[in-house]
Amino acid sequence: MAEHGPHRDTSTEYRTRIDRATCRDELVVAFRWLWQQEGKPEVILCIGTDRATGDALGPLVGRELMAWSRLPCQVFGTLEHPLHATNMGELMKTHPTLKTARCLALDASLGRPEEVGSIWVGMGAIHPGAGVNKDLPAIGRYHATGTVNVGGFMDYYVLQNTRLALVMRMAQVMAEALKFSLGF
């Protein structure tokens, strides 16, 4: 669960909503803008776990991406092999180049009621786990987060009771947008 809220730097971040008919196309444009800044990602980190519906956004996107055989970058984090607070440190040790790679960090987030259903894409790192008080290092040169539910009170319970339909739809749209933005 990534950090969320009003601290976001909107000059380097784009937001759309999953209920917009043009959401996928808007995300393609936003991702392509990111790639123009510093190059296409070498790695996509799909952060989260399948043990909480709300936190499964990253692994669902990772699973979709891995289904495409010509993916031009590495992907870590799928439903079968999730990337989460418990194993992220080990991944960073076994792949030290992740700290300097062009990396897109993708995670679910909690936010205000009016932000639920929003997808944020931007420059800069995210703080995975911050939404549920985990102390993990910031990661990513770029980020993409989906606000899956309301945060602020009993966040673990909220994650367990997040609508699967919303998470699945966000994952599908984000994966398709990444596919098209990367040119295949």
Protein backbone atom coordinates (compact mmCIF):
# COMPACT_ATOMS: atom_id res chain seq x y z
CA MET A 1 0.00 0.00 0.00
CA ALA A 2 1.72 3.16 -1.17
CA GLU A 3 1.73 6.49 0.55
CA HIS A 4 -1.08 8.75 -0.60
CA GLY A 5 -2.63 12.10 -0.02
CA PRO A 6 -2.21 15.81 -0.65
CA HIS A 7 1.61 15.72 -0.57
CA ARG A 8 1.68 14.67 -4.23
CA ASP A 9 3.64 16.87 -6.65
CA THR A 10 1.01 17.43 -9.32
CA SER A 11 3.49 19.09 -11.70
CA THR A 12 5.06 15.69 -12.39
CA GLU A 13 2.02 13.51 -11.87
CA TYR A 14 -1.05 12.67 -13.91
CA ARG A 15 -4.38 11.43 -12.52
CA THR A 16 -7.32 9.80 -14.24
CA ARG A 17 -10.31 7.82 -13.05
CA ILE A 18 -11.14 4.21 -13.85
CA ASP A 19 -14.76 5.13 -14.62
CA ARG A 20 -13.73 7.41 -17.52
CA ALA A 21 -14.24 5.83 -20.95
CA THR A 22 -10.87 7.25 -22.02
CA CYS A 23 -8.95 6.06 -18.94
CA ARG A 24 -6.73 3.53 -20.74
CA ASP A 25 -5.86 5.95 -23.54
CA GLU A 26 -5.09 8.70 -21.03
CA LEU A 27 -2.77 6.32 -19.16
CA VAL A 28 -0.99 5.38 -22.39
CA VAL A 29 -0.28 9.07 -23.00
CA ALA A 30 0.86 9.56 -19.39
CA PHE A 31 3.20 6.54 -19.50
CA ARG A 32 4.65 7.64 -22.84
CA TRP A 33 5.31 11.07 -21.34
CA LEU A 34 7.23 9.37 -18.52
CA TRP A 35 9.28 7.30 -20.96
CA GLN A 36 10.17 10.48 -22.90
CA GLN A 37 11.62 12.01 -19.75
CA GLU A 38 14.25 9.36 -19.00
CA GLY A 39 13.59 6.32 -21.19
CA LYS A 40 11.38 3.27 -21.00
CA PRO A 41 11.56 1.30 -17.77
CA GLU A 42 14.07 -1.49 -17.44
CA VAL A 43 12.11 -2.96 -14.53
CA ILE A 44 8.50 -2.88 -13.37
CA LEU A 45 7.93 -3.65 -9.69
CA CYS A 46 4.34 -4.76 -9.10
CA ILE A 47 4.08 -4.38 -5.34
CA GLY A 48 1.43 -6.00 -3.14
CA THR A 49 0.02 -9.30 -1.99
CA ASP A 50 -2.87 -11.55 -2.90
CA ARG A 51 -3.71 -12.00 0.80
CA ALA A 52 -5.73 -8.77 0.84
CA THR A 53 -8.07 -7.91 -2.01
CA GLY A 54 -7.16 -4.23 -1.96
CA ASP A 55 -3.44 -4.92 -2.02
CA ALA A 56 -3.61 -7.31 -4.98
CA LEU A 57 -3.49 -4.55 -7.62
CA GLY A 58 0.27 -4.83 -8.18
CA PRO A 59 0.38 -8.64 -8.41
CA LEU A 60 -2.61 -8.64 -10.77
CA VAL A 61 -0.89 -6.16 -13.09
CA GLY A 62 2.31 -8.23 -12.86
CA ARG A 63 0.44 -11.38 -13.84
CA GLU A 64 -1.10 -9.63 -16.87
CA LEU A 65 2.28 -8.25 -17.95
CA MET A 66 3.98 -11.65 -17.64
CA ALA A 67 1.39 -13.11 -20.02
CA TRP A 68 2.92 -11.02 -22.84
CA SER A 69 5.99 -12.87 -24.08
CA ARG A 70 7.70 -9.89 -25.72
CA LEU A 71 7.80 -7.63 -22.71
CA PRO A 72 10.85 -5.33 -23.10
CA CYS A 73 11.66 -5.17 -19.39
CA GLN A 74 11.86 -7.29 -16.25
CA VAL A 75 8.76 -7.65 -14.08
CA PHE A 76 8.81 -8.54 -10.39
CA GLY A 77 5.61 -9.22 -8.47
CA THR A 78 2.80 -11.48 -9.66
CA LEU A 79 -0.02 -13.38 -8.00
CA GLU A 80 2.15 -16.49 -8.01
CA HIS A 81 5.25 -14.66 -6.73
CA PRO A 82 4.15 -11.43 -5.03
CA LEU A 83 6.54 -8.63 -4.13
CA HIS A 84 5.67 -7.30 -0.67
CA ALA A 85 7.14 -5.95 2.56
CA THR A 86 8.48 -9.33 3.65
CA ASN A 87 10.52 -10.08 0.53
CA MET A 88 11.31 -6.66 -0.96
CA GLY A 89 14.54 -6.33 1.02
CA GLU A 90 15.74 -9.68 -0.28
CA LEU A 91 14.95 -8.63 -3.87
CA MET A 92 16.98 -5.46 -3.40
CA LYS A 93 19.93 -7.51 -2.08
CA THR A 94 19.84 -10.04 -4.92
CA HIS A 95 19.31 -7.35 -7.58
CA PRO A 96 21.34 -4.33 -6.38
CA THR A 97 21.02 -2.64 -9.78
CA LEU A 98 17.33 -1.97 -9.01
CA LYS A 99 18.42 1.08 -7.02
CA THR A 100 19.81 2.73 -10.15
CA ALA A 101 17.66 1.14 -12.87
CA ARG A 102 14.87 2.93 -14.68
CA CYS A 103 12.21 1.37 -12.51
CA LEU A 104 8.43 1.80 -12.50
CA ALA A 105 7.02 1.05 -9.04
CA LEU A 106 3.35 0.10 -9.16
CA ASP A 107 1.21 -0.27 -6.03
CA ALA A 108 -2.26 0.12 -4.60
CA SER A 109 -3.01 3.02 -2.30
CA LEU A 110 -5.69 4.22 0.08
CA GLY A 111 -7.01 7.76 -0.14
CA ARG A 112 -9.88 10.13 0.42
CA PRO A 113 -13.39 9.03 -0.65
CA GLU A 114 -13.31 11.20 -3.78
CA GLU A 115 -9.98 9.60 -4.84
CA VAL A 116 -11.19 5.99 -4.83
CA GLY A 117 -10.99 4.73 -8.41
CA SER A 118 -8.19 7.15 -9.33
CA ILE A 119 -4.99 6.06 -11.02
CA TRP A 120 -1.92 8.21 -10.52
CA VAL A 121 1.13 8.09 -12.81
CA GLY A 122 4.20 10.22 -12.27
CA MET A 123 7.88 10.84 -11.83
CA GLY A 124 9.61 9.89 -8.62
CA ALA A 125 9.65 7.14 -6.06
CA ILE A 126 6.83 5.83 -3.91
CA HIS A 127 6.95 4.58 -0.35
CA PRO A 128 5.38 1.11 -0.49
CA GLY A 129 3.69 0.07 2.71
CA ALA A 130 3.37 3.62 4.04
CA GLY A 131 -0.42 3.42 3.86
CA VAL A 132 -0.35 0.62 6.47
CA ASN A 133 2.55 1.97 8.55
CA LYS A 134 5.32 -0.18 7.05
CA ASP A 135 8.79 1.35 6.96
CA LEU A 136 10.17 0.41 3.54
CA PRO A 137 12.63 2.40 1.44
CA ALA A 138 11.35 4.62 -1.33
CA ILE A 139 11.56 2.89 -4.69
CA GLY A 140 11.15 3.68 -8.36
CA ARG A 141 12.16 6.35 -10.82
CA TYR A 142 8.52 6.44 -11.94
CA HIS A 143 5.37 5.35 -10.15
CA ALA A 144 1.82 4.25 -10.84
CA THR A 145 -0.70 3.83 -8.05
CA GLY A 146 -4.35 2.97 -7.95
CA THR A 147 -6.47 4.29 -5.09
CA VAL A 148 -8.54 1.22 -4.25
CA ASN A 149 -10.32 2.32 -1.06
CA VAL A 150 -10.61 4.93 1.66
CA GLY A 151 -7.74 5.18 4.11
CA GLY A 152 -7.22 6.57 7.54
CA PHE A 153 -8.95 4.16 9.89
CA MET A 154 -8.45 0.39 10.25
CA ASP A 155 -6.50 0.23 7.00
CA TYR A 156 -5.83 -3.54 7.19
CA TYR A 157 -9.56 -4.18 7.54
CA VAL A 158 -10.28 -1.81 4.67
CA LEU A 159 -7.82 -3.69 2.45
CA GLN A 160 -9.52 -6.99 3.25
CA ASN A 161 -12.90 -5.51 2.32
CA THR A 162 -12.05 -3.76 -0.92
CA ARG A 163 -14.19 -4.50 -3.96
CA LEU A 164 -12.47 -7.09 -6.13
CA ALA A 165 -14.26 -5.78 -9.23
CA LEU A 166 -12.60 -2.38 -8.83
CA VAL A 167 -9.14 -3.86 -8.29
CA MET A 168 -9.50 -6.22 -11.27
CA ARG A 169 -10.70 -3.43 -13.58
CA MET A 170 -7.86 -1.14 -12.50
CA ALA A 171 -5.29 -3.92 -13.00
CA GLN A 172 -6.55 -4.71 -16.49
CA VAL A 173 -6.55 -1.07 -17.61
CA MET A 174 -3.13 -0.37 -16.11
CA ALA A 175 -1.61 -3.49 -17.72
CA GLU A 176 -3.11 -2.67 -21.13
CA ALA A 177 -1.89 0.94 -20.90
CA LEU A 178 1.61 -0.26 -20.05
CA LYS A 179 1.54 -2.71 -22.95
CA PHE A 180 0.55 -0.03 -25.47
CA SER A 181 2.90 2.59 -24.04
CA LEU A 182 5.85 0.20 -24.35
CA GLY A 183 5.05 -0.33 -28.03
CA PHE A 184 3.50 -3.77 -28.43
